[in-house]
Amino acid sequence: MVGLVPTIILASAFSAGPSNGLASLPSLAALQEAGGVDESRNVEPVPGFGQLDALSRGTTITFDPQYAHVFNSEVDDNQGEFDLDRLRLRLQGRTVLNDTWELGYGFKYQFDGFGFAETGFFGASPSPWTDIHTVQFHVGATVKFTEQWRGFGGGQFRFARETGADWSDSFEGGGAFGVSYSFSRTLTLGGGLGVETQLEDGLLFYPVIVIDWQIADRWLLTTRMSTGWADQTGIQLVYDWTETLDASVGVAYDYQRFRLNDDGPSPGGVGLFTATPVYAMLTWMPSSPVRLSVFAGANTMGELELRNSSGNSISKKNYGLGFLFGAQASITF
C-alpha cells in the first residue's frame, strides 16, 4: 500500500512523520529553530538541514533539549484515556563548505511515555503500549544554483520501538529532494518529493512544501518551526516583539509509528499515534547562541491505532482534546 500525504517542511533537519503514511513524518521536517524576523536574511534556510539564518563558512553545532506533557485525553466510545510525557534531545550540525555547498547532519533521541487508564480497549490491562524510544539520524546537503534558486536533498533513518521490542525490527528510512526560489528578500517558496519505508506497510510518498514569508516589518509566516512538540511538520506565525523576545502561534502535525514488544495485546505489532497540536509560544533570546521557549496549547484531531505483526488493524480510535504545555532550549556552539 502506498500512502500520500502533504508535508510542510521546516527549514531544518530531516525528520518528519506520516499518517497512513506519516510514520514519524517521514522524518523529513523536524521542527527547527525559527529565529525572529531578520531583515538582513537573503535566502531562507532550506528544509531539513538545521541551518542557521546567516551563511558563514565553517561548522556550527546546535543542542536542543525539550520536554512536553499532554494531559488526560479521552478515547472515543469510552475506550479509555491517556496522558503523555515527551522528552527530546536533538544534536544538529551544519557545515558551510563554500559559497555553493552546505552540509547538514544530526541525531535525535525521543522518549514518549504513554499512561493509559480507565476501561475499554485502550484502557484495559495490559495497555496497548507504554514507553516508546525513537533514535534518528539524518544527513543532507543544499546547493546554491543562483541567487534565487537552491536545491536540497538528503536521507535519514530511524529506529522506533516500545521498551523491550527489538531494535532490529523497528527500522524505517527514506529521503527527500526539492528546490526553493527566493522571489525577494521577504518571500521564499519551494517544494519537493520524499519517500519513506513504514513498519508493516508499503512505501510512503509525500510532497514537501517550503514557505518563508516576511509579511510585515515584525511578522513572519514560516514552515521553520521551533516548538519541538510535534517533531514533524507544520506552519508558524512569528511576531518579533523585541530584540530578545518573540511570540508565535502555530499548528503542526505529529505522527509516531513504532514496533511493540511481546507483552501487550498485539505481540510484535505496530502502534500508531497522531495529533494536530495547536499552540502559542514565547521565546526569549538572552544571547545570540541561546534561545529559551515555553509553549502551551492542545492536541486536536488525534487518533490511536493498534496493528498486529502482519500490519492488520486491530483497533483504531479517535481521541478528544488533550491540553499540553512544554519548554525547550536551543544552544548553538
C-alpha atoms as a PDB file:
ATOM      1  CA  MET A   1       0.000   0.000   0.000  1.00  0.00           C
ATOM      2  CA  VAL A   2       1.325   3.406  -0.945  1.00  0.00           C
ATOM      3  CA  GLY A   3       0.338   6.418   1.177  1.00  0.00           C
ATOM      4  CA  LEU A   4       0.378  10.041   0.009  1.00  0.00           C
ATOM      5  CA  VAL A   5       0.307  12.914   2.492  1.00  0.00           C
ATOM      6  CA  PRO A   6       1.033  16.643   2.333  1.00  0.00           C
ATOM      7  CA  THR A   7       4.163  17.717   4.195  1.00  0.00           C
ATOM      8  CA  ILE A   8       5.101  21.280   5.049  1.00  0.00           C
ATOM      9  CA  ILE A   9       8.816  21.263   5.595  1.00  0.00           C
ATOM     10  CA  LEU A  10      10.505  23.200   8.281  1.00  0.00           C
ATOM     11  CA  ALA A  11      13.700  24.794   7.292  1.00  0.00           C
ATOM     12  CA  SER A  12      15.693  22.435   9.359  1.00  0.00           C
ATOM     13  CA  ALA A  13      16.829  18.872   9.934  1.00  0.00           C
ATOM     14  CA  PHE A  14      15.369  15.814   8.269  1.00  0.00           C
ATOM     15  CA  SER A  15      12.680  14.418  10.445  1.00  0.00           C
ATOM     16  CA  ALA A  16       9.058  14.085   9.683  1.00  0.00           C
ATOM     17  CA  GLY A  17       6.291  11.649  10.135  1.00  0.00           C
ATOM     18  CA  PRO A  18       3.215  10.403   8.333  1.00  0.00           C
ATOM     19  CA  SER A  19      -0.309   9.279   8.877  1.00  0.00           C
ATOM     20  CA  ASN A  20      -1.412   6.327   6.972  1.00  0.00           C
ATOM     21  CA  GLY A  21       1.904   7.262   5.731  1.00  0.00           C
ATOM     22  CA  LEU A  22       3.488   9.650   8.161  1.00  0.00           C
ATOM     23  CA  ALA A  23       5.338   7.275  10.267  1.00  0.00           C
ATOM     24  CA  SER A  24       7.269   9.855  12.077  1.00  0.00           C
ATOM     25  CA  LEU A  25       6.557  12.127   9.306  1.00  0.00           C
ATOM     26  CA  PRO A  26       8.977  10.688   7.066  1.00  0.00           C
ATOM     27  CA  SER A  27      11.492  12.163   9.182  1.00  0.00           C
ATOM     28  CA  LEU A  28      11.581  14.972   6.909  1.00  0.00           C
ATOM     29  CA  ALA A  29      10.774  18.124   8.725  1.00  0.00           C
ATOM     30  CA  ALA A  30      11.973  18.072  12.221  1.00  0.00           C
ATOM     31  CA  LEU A  31      10.822  21.192  13.961  1.00  0.00           C
ATOM     32  CA  GLN A  32      13.501  23.748  13.787  1.00  0.00           C
ATOM     33  CA  GLU A  33      14.596  26.829  15.406  1.00  0.00           C
ATOM     34  CA  ALA A  34      12.841  29.748  13.782  1.00  0.00           C
ATOM     35  CA  GLY A  35      14.784  32.850  14.572  1.00  0.00           C
ATOM     36  CA  GLY A  36      12.989  36.133  14.843  1.00  0.00           C
ATOM     37  CA  VAL A  37      12.404  38.221  11.753  1.00  0.00           C
ATOM     38  CA  ASP A  38      15.776  39.115  10.290  1.00  0.00           C
ATOM     39  CA  GLU A  39      15.613  41.711   7.549  1.00  0.00           C
ATOM     40  CA  SER A  40      19.209  41.039   6.586  1.00  0.00           C
ATOM     41  CA  ARG A  41      18.359  37.470   5.659  1.00  0.00           C
ATOM     42  CA  ASN A  42      18.847  36.928   1.934  1.00  0.00           C
ATOM     43  CA  VAL A  43      17.687  33.382   1.431  1.00  0.00           C
ATOM     44  CA  GLU A  44      15.729  31.080   3.666  1.00  0.00           C
ATOM     45  CA  PRO A  45      17.482  28.081   5.145  1.00  0.00           C
ATOM     46  CA  VAL A  46      16.433  25.061   3.139  1.00  0.00           C
ATOM     47  CA  PRO A  47      14.282  22.408   4.756  1.00  0.00           C
ATOM     48  CA  GLY A  48      15.703  19.607   6.649  1.00  0.00           C
ATOM     49  CA  PHE A  49      19.222  20.560   7.434  1.00  0.00           C
ATOM     50  CA  GLY A  50      19.238  22.511  10.683  1.00  0.00           C
ATOM     51  CA  GLN A  51      20.816  25.614   9.239  1.00  0.00           C
ATOM     52  CA  LEU A  52      21.166  28.971  10.856  1.00  0.00           C
ATOM     53  CA  ASP A  53      19.871  32.109   9.173  1.00  0.00           C
ATOM     54  CA  ALA A  54      23.235  33.613   8.279  1.00  0.00           C
ATOM     55  CA  LEU A  55      25.592  31.738   5.962  1.00  0.00           C
ATOM     56  CA  SER A  56      29.141  31.811   7.297  1.00  0.00           C
ATOM     57  CA  ARG A  57      31.954  29.443   6.339  1.00  0.00           C
ATOM     58  CA  GLY A  58      32.661  26.759   8.922  1.00  0.00           C
ATOM     59  CA  THR A  59      30.743  24.446  11.241  1.00  0.00           C
ATOM     60  CA  THR A  60      28.127  25.108  13.921  1.00  0.00           C
ATOM     61  CA  ILE A  61      26.554  22.610  16.326  1.00  0.00           C
ATOM     62  CA  THR A  62      23.164  23.140  17.967  1.00  0.00           C
ATOM     63  CA  PHE A  63      21.853  21.235  21.001  1.00  0.00           C
ATOM     64  CA  ASP A  64      18.089  21.277  21.668  1.00  0.00           C
ATOM     65  CA  PRO A  65      16.629  19.672  24.820  1.00  0.00           C
ATOM     66  CA  GLN A  66      12.833  19.753  25.127  1.00  0.00           C
ATOM     67  CA  TYR A  67      10.088  18.454  27.454  1.00  0.00           C
ATOM     68  CA  ALA A  68       6.313  18.462  26.977  1.00  0.00           C
ATOM     69  CA  HIS A  69       3.301  16.979  28.744  1.00  0.00           C
ATOM     70  CA  VAL A  70      -0.165  16.203  27.373  1.00  0.00           C
ATOM     71  CA  PHE A  71      -2.914  15.990  29.988  1.00  0.00           C
ATOM     72  CA  ASN A  72      -5.587  13.281  30.014  1.00  0.00           C
ATOM     73  CA  SER A  73      -7.240  12.735  26.639  1.00  0.00           C
ATOM     74  CA  GLU A  74     -10.385  10.605  26.427  1.00  0.00           C
ATOM     75  CA  VAL A  75     -10.574   7.949  23.721  1.00  0.00           C
ATOM     76  CA  ASP A  76     -13.865   7.908  21.800  1.00  0.00           C
ATOM     77  CA  ASP A  77     -16.625   5.385  22.633  1.00  0.00           C
ATOM     78  CA  ASN A  78     -15.434   5.061  26.262  1.00  0.00           C
ATOM     79  CA  GLN A  79     -12.361   3.129  25.147  1.00  0.00           C
ATOM     80  CA  GLY A  80     -10.068   4.567  27.809  1.00  0.00           C
ATOM     81  CA  GLU A  81      -7.937   7.669  28.336  1.00  0.00           C
ATOM     82  CA  PHE A  82      -4.238   8.504  28.388  1.00  0.00           C
ATOM     83  CA  ASP A  83      -1.671  11.160  29.169  1.00  0.00           C
ATOM     84  CA  LEU A  84       1.760  11.575  27.632  1.00  0.00           C
ATOM     85  CA  ASP A  85       5.208  12.778  28.666  1.00  0.00           C
ATOM     86  CA  ARG A  86       7.714  13.578  25.919  1.00  0.00           C
ATOM     87  CA  LEU A  87      11.438  14.200  26.287  1.00  0.00           C
ATOM     88  CA  ARG A  88      13.508  15.014  23.231  1.00  0.00           C
ATOM     89  CA  LEU A  89      17.263  15.561  22.872  1.00  0.00           C
ATOM     90  CA  ARG A  90      18.478  16.752  19.488  1.00  0.00           C
ATOM     91  CA  LEU A  91      22.001  17.485  18.227  1.00  0.00           C
ATOM     92  CA  GLN A  92      22.395  19.108  14.822  1.00  0.00           C
ATOM     93  CA  GLY A  93      25.409  20.137  12.800  1.00  0.00           C
ATOM     94  CA  ARG A  94      25.812  22.471   9.854  1.00  0.00           C
ATOM     95  CA  THR A  95      28.934  22.890   7.743  1.00  0.00           C
ATOM     96  CA  VAL A  96      29.193  25.568   5.062  1.00  0.00           C
ATOM     97  CA  LEU A  97      31.810  24.260   2.633  1.00  0.00           C
ATOM     98  CA  ASN A  98      31.848  27.227   0.236  1.00  0.00           C
ATOM     99  CA  ASP A  99      29.522  29.763  -1.373  1.00  0.00           C
ATOM    100  CA  THR A 100      27.669  26.947  -3.150  1.00  0.00           C
ATOM    101  CA  TRP A 101      27.509  23.881  -0.916  1.00  0.00           C
ATOM    102  CA  GLU A 102      26.310  23.304   2.632  1.00  0.00           C
ATOM    103  CA  LEU A 103      26.035  20.060   4.607  1.00  0.00           C
ATOM    104  CA  GLY A 104      23.597  19.251   7.412  1.00  0.00           C
ATOM    105  CA  TYR A 105      23.566  16.269   9.766  1.00  0.00           C
ATOM    106  CA  GLY A 106      22.043  15.369  13.075  1.00  0.00           C
ATOM    107  CA  PHE A 107      20.909  12.944  15.743  1.00  0.00           C
ATOM    108  CA  LYS A 108      17.718  12.824  17.803  1.00  0.00           C
ATOM    109  CA  TYR A 109      16.592  10.741  20.769  1.00  0.00           C
ATOM    110  CA  GLN A 110      12.935  10.965  21.786  1.00  0.00           C
ATOM    111  CA  PHE A 111      11.114   9.337  24.703  1.00  0.00           C
ATOM    112  CA  ASP A 112       7.300   9.130  24.666  1.00  0.00           C
ATOM    113  CA  GLY A 113       5.828   7.871  27.936  1.00  0.00           C
ATOM    114  CA  PHE A 114       2.156   6.902  27.481  1.00  0.00           C
ATOM    115  CA  GLY A 115      -0.040   6.384  30.528  1.00  0.00           C
ATOM    116  CA  PHE A 116      -3.305   4.575  29.675  1.00  0.00           C
ATOM    117  CA  ALA A 117      -6.105   4.324  32.241  1.00  0.00           C
ATOM    118  CA  GLU A 118      -9.795   3.546  32.781  1.00  0.00           C
ATOM    119  CA  THR A 119     -11.588   0.758  30.883  1.00  0.00           C
ATOM    120  CA  GLY A 120     -12.144  -0.083  27.227  1.00  0.00           C
ATOM    121  CA  PHE A 121      -9.663  -1.381  24.681  1.00  0.00           C
ATOM    122  CA  PHE A 122      -7.179   1.478  25.117  1.00  0.00           C
ATOM    123  CA  GLY A 123      -7.588   1.498  28.879  1.00  0.00           C
ATOM    124  CA  ALA A 124      -7.613  -2.197  29.744  1.00  0.00           C
ATOM    125  CA  SER A 125      -4.678  -4.115  31.150  1.00  0.00           C
ATOM    126  CA  PRO A 126      -2.264  -4.813  29.628  1.00  0.00           C
ATOM    127  CA  SER A 127      -2.008  -1.422  27.937  1.00  0.00           C
ATOM    128  CA  PRO A 128      -1.650  -1.407  24.133  1.00  0.00           C
ATOM    129  CA  TRP A 129       1.817   0.116  24.653  1.00  0.00           C
ATOM    130  CA  THR A 130       3.798   2.023  27.306  1.00  0.00           C
ATOM    131  CA  ASP A 131       7.182   3.749  26.781  1.00  0.00           C
ATOM    132  CA  ILE A 132       8.388   4.457  23.249  1.00  0.00           C
ATOM    133  CA  HIS A 133      12.017   5.175  22.314  1.00  0.00           C
ATOM    134  CA  THR A 134      12.991   6.763  18.997  1.00  0.00           C
ATOM    135  CA  VAL A 135      16.554   7.190  17.720  1.00  0.00           C
ATOM    136  CA  GLN A 136      17.044   9.013  14.451  1.00  0.00           C
ATOM    137  CA  PHE A 137      19.938  10.110  12.212  1.00  0.00           C
ATOM    138  CA  HIS A 138      19.865  12.371   9.157  1.00  0.00           C
ATOM    139  CA  VAL A 139      22.299  13.812   6.628  1.00  0.00           C
ATOM    140  CA  GLY A 140      21.747  16.107   3.672  1.00  0.00           C
ATOM    141  CA  ALA A 141      23.091  18.888   1.521  1.00  0.00           C
ATOM    142  CA  THR A 142      21.919  22.120  -0.077  1.00  0.00           C
ATOM    143  CA  VAL A 143      23.321  23.680  -3.210  1.00  0.00           C
ATOM    144  CA  LYS A 144      23.001  27.276  -4.384  1.00  0.00           C
ATOM    145  CA  PHE A 145      22.314  27.339  -8.142  1.00  0.00           C
ATOM    146  CA  THR A 146      21.780  31.107  -8.434  1.00  0.00           C
ATOM    147  CA  GLU A 147      20.985  33.988  -6.092  1.00  0.00           C
ATOM    148  CA  GLN A 148      17.330  32.872  -6.184  1.00  0.00           C
ATOM    149  CA  TRP A 149      17.404  29.094  -6.733  1.00  0.00           C
ATOM    150  CA  ARG A 150      18.547  26.447  -4.272  1.00  0.00           C
ATOM    151  CA  GLY A 151      18.280  22.679  -4.285  1.00  0.00           C
ATOM    152  CA  PHE A 152      18.181  20.331  -1.291  1.00  0.00           C
ATOM    153  CA  GLY A 153      18.336  16.592  -0.793  1.00  0.00           C
ATOM    154  CA  GLY A 154      19.256  14.004   1.768  1.00  0.00           C
ATOM    155  CA  GLY A 155      18.199  10.981   3.745  1.00  0.00           C
ATOM    156  CA  GLN A 156      17.511   9.703   7.222  1.00  0.00           C
ATOM    157  CA  PHE A 157      16.892   6.505   9.118  1.00  0.00           C
ATOM    158  CA  ARG A 158      15.153   5.852  12.387  1.00  0.00           C
ATOM    159  CA  PHE A 159      14.521   3.144  14.983  1.00  0.00           C
ATOM    160  CA  ALA A 160      11.269   3.491  16.965  1.00  0.00           C
ATOM    161  CA  ARG A 161      10.213   0.818  19.434  1.00  0.00           C
ATOM    162  CA  GLU A 162       8.473   0.138  22.728  1.00  0.00           C
ATOM    163  CA  THR A 163      10.657  -0.800  25.683  1.00  0.00           C
ATOM    164  CA  GLY A 164      11.515  -4.485  25.275  1.00  0.00           C
ATOM    165  CA  ALA A 165      10.951  -4.654  21.499  1.00  0.00           C
ATOM    166  CA  ASP A 166      13.835  -5.479  19.166  1.00  0.00           C
ATOM    167  CA  TRP A 167      15.731  -2.554  17.684  1.00  0.00           C
ATOM    168  CA  SER A 168      16.369  -4.621  14.551  1.00  0.00           C
ATOM    169  CA  ASP A 169      12.607  -4.872  13.904  1.00  0.00           C
ATOM    170  CA  SER A 170      11.964  -1.136  14.268  1.00  0.00           C
ATOM    171  CA  PHE A 171      13.884   0.326  11.308  1.00  0.00           C
ATOM    172  CA  GLU A 172      12.446   2.907   8.887  1.00  0.00           C
ATOM    173  CA  GLY A 173      14.345   5.037   6.385  1.00  0.00           C
ATOM    174  CA  GLY A 174      13.992   7.309   3.414  1.00  0.00           C
ATOM    175  CA  GLY A 175      14.847  10.695   1.984  1.00  0.00           C
ATOM    176  CA  ALA A 176      13.655  13.713   0.029  1.00  0.00           C
ATOM    177  CA  PHE A 177      14.759  16.272  -2.529  1.00  0.00           C
ATOM    178  CA  GLY A 178      13.452  19.555  -3.889  1.00  0.00           C
ATOM    179  CA  VAL A 179      14.133  23.181  -4.766  1.00  0.00           C
ATOM    180  CA  SER A 180      13.313  26.624  -3.360  1.00  0.00           C
ATOM    181  CA  TYR A 181      13.096  30.039  -5.033  1.00  0.00           C
ATOM    182  CA  SER A 182      13.528  33.437  -3.388  1.00  0.00           C
ATOM    183  CA  PHE A 183      11.230  35.943  -5.073  1.00  0.00           C
ATOM    184  CA  SER A 184      12.613  38.723  -2.893  1.00  0.00           C
ATOM    185  CA  ARG A 185      14.339  39.297   0.441  1.00  0.00           C
ATOM    186  CA  THR A 186      10.969  38.712   2.119  1.00  0.00           C
ATOM    187  CA  LEU A 187       9.451  35.744   0.244  1.00  0.00           C
ATOM    188  CA  THR A 188      10.791  32.254  -0.470  1.00  0.00           C
ATOM    189  CA  LEU A 189       8.706  29.316  -1.683  1.00  0.00           C
ATOM    190  CA  GLY A 190       9.680  25.806  -2.633  1.00  0.00           C
ATOM    191  CA  GLY A 191       8.707  22.180  -2.873  1.00  0.00           C
ATOM    192  CA  GLY A 192       9.894  18.650  -3.409  1.00  0.00           C
ATOM    193  CA  LEU A 193       9.153  14.965  -3.007  1.00  0.00           C
ATOM    194  CA  GLY A 194      10.017  12.447  -0.313  1.00  0.00           C
ATOM    195  CA  VAL A 195       9.713   8.700   0.201  1.00  0.00           C
ATOM    196  CA  GLU A 196       9.976   6.542   3.328  1.00  0.00           C
ATOM    197  CA  THR A 197       9.578   2.935   4.373  1.00  0.00           C
ATOM    198  CA  GLN A 198       6.964   2.050   7.003  1.00  0.00           C
ATOM    199  CA  LEU A 199       6.741  -0.700   9.578  1.00  0.00           C
ATOM    200  CA  GLU A 200       4.475  -3.454   8.207  1.00  0.00           C
ATOM    201  CA  ASP A 201       3.252  -1.245   5.354  1.00  0.00           C
ATOM    202  CA  GLY A 202       4.194  -0.054   1.872  1.00  0.00           C
ATOM    203  CA  LEU A 203       6.289   2.947   0.914  1.00  0.00           C
ATOM    204  CA  LEU A 204       5.083   6.400   1.827  1.00  0.00           C
ATOM    205  CA  PHE A 205       5.394   9.137  -0.812  1.00  0.00           C
ATOM    206  CA  TYR A 206       4.816  12.709   0.305  1.00  0.00           C
ATOM    207  CA  PRO A 207       5.179  16.228  -1.110  1.00  0.00           C
ATOM    208  CA  VAL A 208       7.419  18.779   0.592  1.00  0.00           C
ATOM    209  CA  ILE A 209       6.354  22.435   0.898  1.00  0.00           C
ATOM    210  CA  VAL A 210       8.655  25.332   1.822  1.00  0.00           C
ATOM    211  CA  ILE A 211       7.287  28.721   2.905  1.00  0.00           C
ATOM    212  CA  ASP A 212       9.211  31.649   4.376  1.00  0.00           C
ATOM    213  CA  TRP A 213       7.313  34.940   4.080  1.00  0.00           C
ATOM    214  CA  GLN A 214       8.041  38.135   5.984  1.00  0.00           C
ATOM    215  CA  ILE A 215       4.533  39.596   5.831  1.00  0.00           C
ATOM    216  CA  ALA A 216       5.403  42.889   7.534  1.00  0.00           C
ATOM    217  CA  ASP A 217       8.237  44.514   9.445  1.00  0.00           C
ATOM    218  CA  ARG A 218       7.807  42.318  12.532  1.00  0.00           C
ATOM    219  CA  TRP A 219       5.699  39.437  11.183  1.00  0.00           C
ATOM    220  CA  LEU A 220       6.966  36.189   9.678  1.00  0.00           C
ATOM    221  CA  LEU A 221       4.957  33.242   8.322  1.00  0.00           C
ATOM    222  CA  THR A 222       7.196  30.208   8.090  1.00  0.00           C
ATOM    223  CA  THR A 223       7.392  26.464   7.944  1.00  0.00           C
ATOM    224  CA  ARG A 224      10.519  26.768  10.058  1.00  0.00           C
ATOM    225  CA  MET A 225       9.173  25.927  13.488  1.00  0.00           C
ATOM    226  CA  SER A 226      10.559  25.929  16.994  1.00  0.00           C
ATOM    227  CA  THR A 227       8.024  24.205  19.235  1.00  0.00           C
ATOM    228  CA  GLY A 228       9.695  20.872  19.072  1.00  0.00           C
ATOM    229  CA  TRP A 229       6.366  19.482  20.258  1.00  0.00           C
ATOM    230  CA  ALA A 230       5.242  17.845  17.044  1.00  0.00           C
ATOM    231  CA  ASP A 231       8.582  16.878  15.698  1.00  0.00           C
ATOM    232  CA  GLN A 232       7.165  16.612  12.267  1.00  0.00           C
ATOM    233  CA  THR A 233       5.626  19.294  10.149  1.00  0.00           C
ATOM    234  CA  GLY A 234       3.576  22.467  10.383  1.00  0.00           C
ATOM    235  CA  ILE A 235       3.400  26.217   9.950  1.00  0.00           C
ATOM    236  CA  GLN A 236       4.008  29.087  12.363  1.00  0.00           C
ATOM    237  CA  LEU A 237       3.289  32.830  12.544  1.00  0.00           C
ATOM    238  CA  VAL A 238       6.036  34.679  14.448  1.00  0.00           C
ATOM    239  CA  TYR A 239       5.889  38.197  15.888  1.00  0.00           C
ATOM    240  CA  ASP A 240       9.279  39.808  16.535  1.00  0.00           C
ATOM    241  CA  TRP A 241       8.202  41.540  19.740  1.00  0.00           C
ATOM    242  CA  THR A 242      11.563  42.941  20.857  1.00  0.00           C
ATOM    243  CA  GLU A 243      15.210  42.266  20.083  1.00  0.00           C
ATOM    244  CA  THR A 244      15.216  39.454  22.636  1.00  0.00           C
ATOM    245  CA  LEU A 245      11.581  38.266  22.692  1.00  0.00           C
ATOM    246  CA  ASP A 246       9.422  36.511  20.070  1.00  0.00           C
ATOM    247  CA  ALA A 247       5.787  35.447  20.312  1.00  0.00           C
ATOM    248  CA  SER A 248       4.243  32.925  17.932  1.00  0.00           C
ATOM    249  CA  VAL A 249       1.219  30.759  17.195  1.00  0.00           C
ATOM    250  CA  GLY A 250       1.199  27.669  15.047  1.00  0.00           C
ATOM    251  CA  VAL A 251      -0.276  24.346  14.070  1.00  0.00           C
ATOM    252  CA  ALA A 252       1.642  21.121  13.494  1.00  0.00           C
ATOM    253  CA  TYR A 253       1.093  17.502  12.555  1.00  0.00           C
ATOM    254  CA  ASP A 254       2.574  14.825  14.794  1.00  0.00           C
ATOM    255  CA  TYR A 255       2.739  11.157  13.823  1.00  0.00           C
ATOM    256  CA  GLN A 256       4.531   8.343  15.626  1.00  0.00           C
ATOM    257  CA  ARG A 257       4.777   4.758  14.329  1.00  0.00           C
ATOM    258  CA  PHE A 258       6.642   2.188  16.403  1.00  0.00           C
ATOM    259  CA  ARG A 259       7.311  -1.516  16.980  1.00  0.00           C
ATOM    260  CA  LEU A 260       5.644  -3.139  20.012  1.00  0.00           C
ATOM    261  CA  ASN A 261       7.097  -5.679  22.433  1.00  0.00           C
ATOM    262  CA  ASP A 262       5.658  -9.128  23.170  1.00  0.00           C
ATOM    263  CA  ASP A 263       3.914  -8.235  26.442  1.00  0.00           C
ATOM    264  CA  GLY A 264       0.867  -6.316  25.166  1.00  0.00           C
ATOM    265  CA  PRO A 265      -2.347  -7.283  23.377  1.00  0.00           C
ATOM    266  CA  SER A 266      -0.532  -7.298  19.995  1.00  0.00           C
ATOM    267  CA  PRO A 267       2.853  -9.057  20.423  1.00  0.00           C
ATOM    268  CA  GLY A 268       5.395  -7.758  17.935  1.00  0.00           C
ATOM    269  CA  GLY A 269       2.790  -5.491  16.387  1.00  0.00           C
ATOM    270  CA  VAL A 270       2.812  -1.812  15.461  1.00  0.00           C
ATOM    271  CA  GLY A 271       1.414   1.208  17.314  1.00  0.00           C
ATOM    272  CA  LEU A 272       0.387   4.488  15.683  1.00  0.00           C
ATOM    273  CA  PHE A 273      -0.266   7.831  17.343  1.00  0.00           C
ATOM    274  CA  THR A 274      -1.318  11.010  15.527  1.00  0.00           C
ATOM    275  CA  ALA A 275      -2.128  14.532  16.715  1.00  0.00           C
ATOM    276  CA  THR A 276      -2.554  18.035  15.320  1.00  0.00           C
ATOM    277  CA  PRO A 277      -1.235  20.352  18.054  1.00  0.00           C
ATOM    278  CA  VAL A 278      -2.342  23.994  18.035  1.00  0.00           C
ATOM    279  CA  TYR A 279      -0.155  26.152  20.270  1.00  0.00           C
ATOM    280  CA  ALA A 280       1.151  29.550  21.369  1.00  0.00           C
ATOM    281  CA  MET A 281       4.795  30.063  22.266  1.00  0.00           C
ATOM    282  CA  LEU A 282       7.038  32.674  23.865  1.00  0.00           C
ATOM    283  CA  THR A 283      10.788  32.653  23.108  1.00  0.00           C
ATOM    284  CA  TRP A 284      13.469  34.607  24.954  1.00  0.00           C
ATOM    285  CA  MET A 285      16.956  35.082  23.476  1.00  0.00           C
ATOM    286  CA  PRO A 286      19.248  36.266  26.302  1.00  0.00           C
ATOM    287  CA  SER A 287      22.247  35.955  23.920  1.00  0.00           C
ATOM    288  CA  SER A 288      22.736  35.073  20.270  1.00  0.00           C
ATOM    289  CA  PRO A 289      23.605  31.394  20.818  1.00  0.00           C
ATOM    290  CA  VAL A 290      20.850  30.741  23.403  1.00  0.00           C
ATOM    291  CA  ARG A 291      17.072  30.501  22.939  1.00  0.00           C
ATOM    292  CA  LEU A 292      14.640  29.583  25.745  1.00  0.00           C
ATOM    293  CA  SER A 293      10.977  28.847  24.993  1.00  0.00           C
ATOM    294  CA  VAL A 294       7.757  27.907  26.736  1.00  0.00           C
ATOM    295  CA  PHE A 295       4.623  26.819  24.862  1.00  0.00           C
ATOM    296  CA  ALA A 296       1.061  25.730  25.585  1.00  0.00           C
ATOM    297  CA  GLY A 297      -1.847  24.522  23.501  1.00  0.00           C
ATOM    298  CA  ALA A 298      -3.916  21.451  22.754  1.00  0.00           C
ATOM    299  CA  ASN A 299      -3.735  18.283  20.708  1.00  0.00           C
ATOM    300  CA  THR A 300      -6.634  18.133  18.255  1.00  0.00           C
ATOM    301  CA  MET A 301      -7.870  15.591  15.694  1.00  0.00           C
ATOM    302  CA  GLY A 302      -5.867  12.803  17.325  1.00  0.00           C
ATOM    303  CA  GLU A 303      -6.009   9.088  16.589  1.00  0.00           C
ATOM    304  CA  LEU A 304      -4.685   5.871  18.128  1.00  0.00           C
ATOM    305  CA  GLU A 305      -4.282   2.619  16.223  1.00  0.00           C
ATOM    306  CA  LEU A 306      -3.043  -0.841  17.146  1.00  0.00           C
ATOM    307  CA  ARG A 307      -1.922  -3.249  14.406  1.00  0.00           C
ATOM    308  CA  ASN A 308      -0.749  -6.844  14.585  1.00  0.00           C
ATOM    309  CA  SER A 309       2.638  -8.115  13.410  1.00  0.00           C
ATOM    310  CA  SER A 310       1.247  -8.543   9.878  1.00  0.00           C
ATOM    311  CA  GLY A 311       0.139  -4.922   9.681  1.00  0.00           C
ATOM    312  CA  ASN A 312      -3.604  -5.598  10.029  1.00  0.00           C
ATOM    313  CA  SER A 313      -5.574  -3.128  12.162  1.00  0.00           C
ATOM    314  CA  ILE A 314      -6.877  -4.467  15.477  1.00  0.00           C
ATOM    315  CA  SER A 315      -8.370  -1.256  16.860  1.00  0.00           C
ATOM    316  CA  LYS A 316      -8.440   2.332  15.614  1.00  0.00           C
ATOM    317  CA  LYS A 317      -9.995   5.170  17.610  1.00  0.00           C
ATOM    318  CA  ASN A 318     -10.039   8.965  17.695  1.00  0.00           C
ATOM    319  CA  TYR A 319      -9.451  10.770  20.989  1.00  0.00           C
ATOM    320  CA  GLY A 320     -10.538  14.125  22.393  1.00  0.00           C
ATOM    321  CA  LEU A 321      -8.669  17.325  23.166  1.00  0.00           C
ATOM    322  CA  GLY A 322      -5.508  16.944  25.189  1.00  0.00           C
ATOM    323  CA  PHE A 323      -4.141  20.167  26.675  1.00  0.00           C
ATOM    324  CA  LEU A 324      -0.364  20.415  26.586  1.00  0.00           C
ATOM    325  CA  PHE A 325       2.480  22.543  27.882  1.00  0.00           C
ATOM    326  CA  GLY A 326       6.224  22.390  27.456  1.00  0.00           C
ATOM    327  CA  ALA A 327       9.580  24.113  27.474  1.00  0.00           C
ATOM    328  CA  GLN A 328      12.719  23.867  25.411  1.00  0.00           C
ATOM    329  CA  ALA A 329      16.142  25.382  24.921  1.00  0.00           C
ATOM    330  CA  SER A 330      18.470  25.798  21.969  1.00  0.00           C
ATOM    331  CA  ILE A 331      22.207  26.344  22.372  1.00  0.00           C
ATOM    332  CA  THR A 332      24.492  26.873  19.372  1.00  0.00           C
ATOM    333  CA  PHE A 333      28.261  26.378  19.521  1.00  0.00           C
END
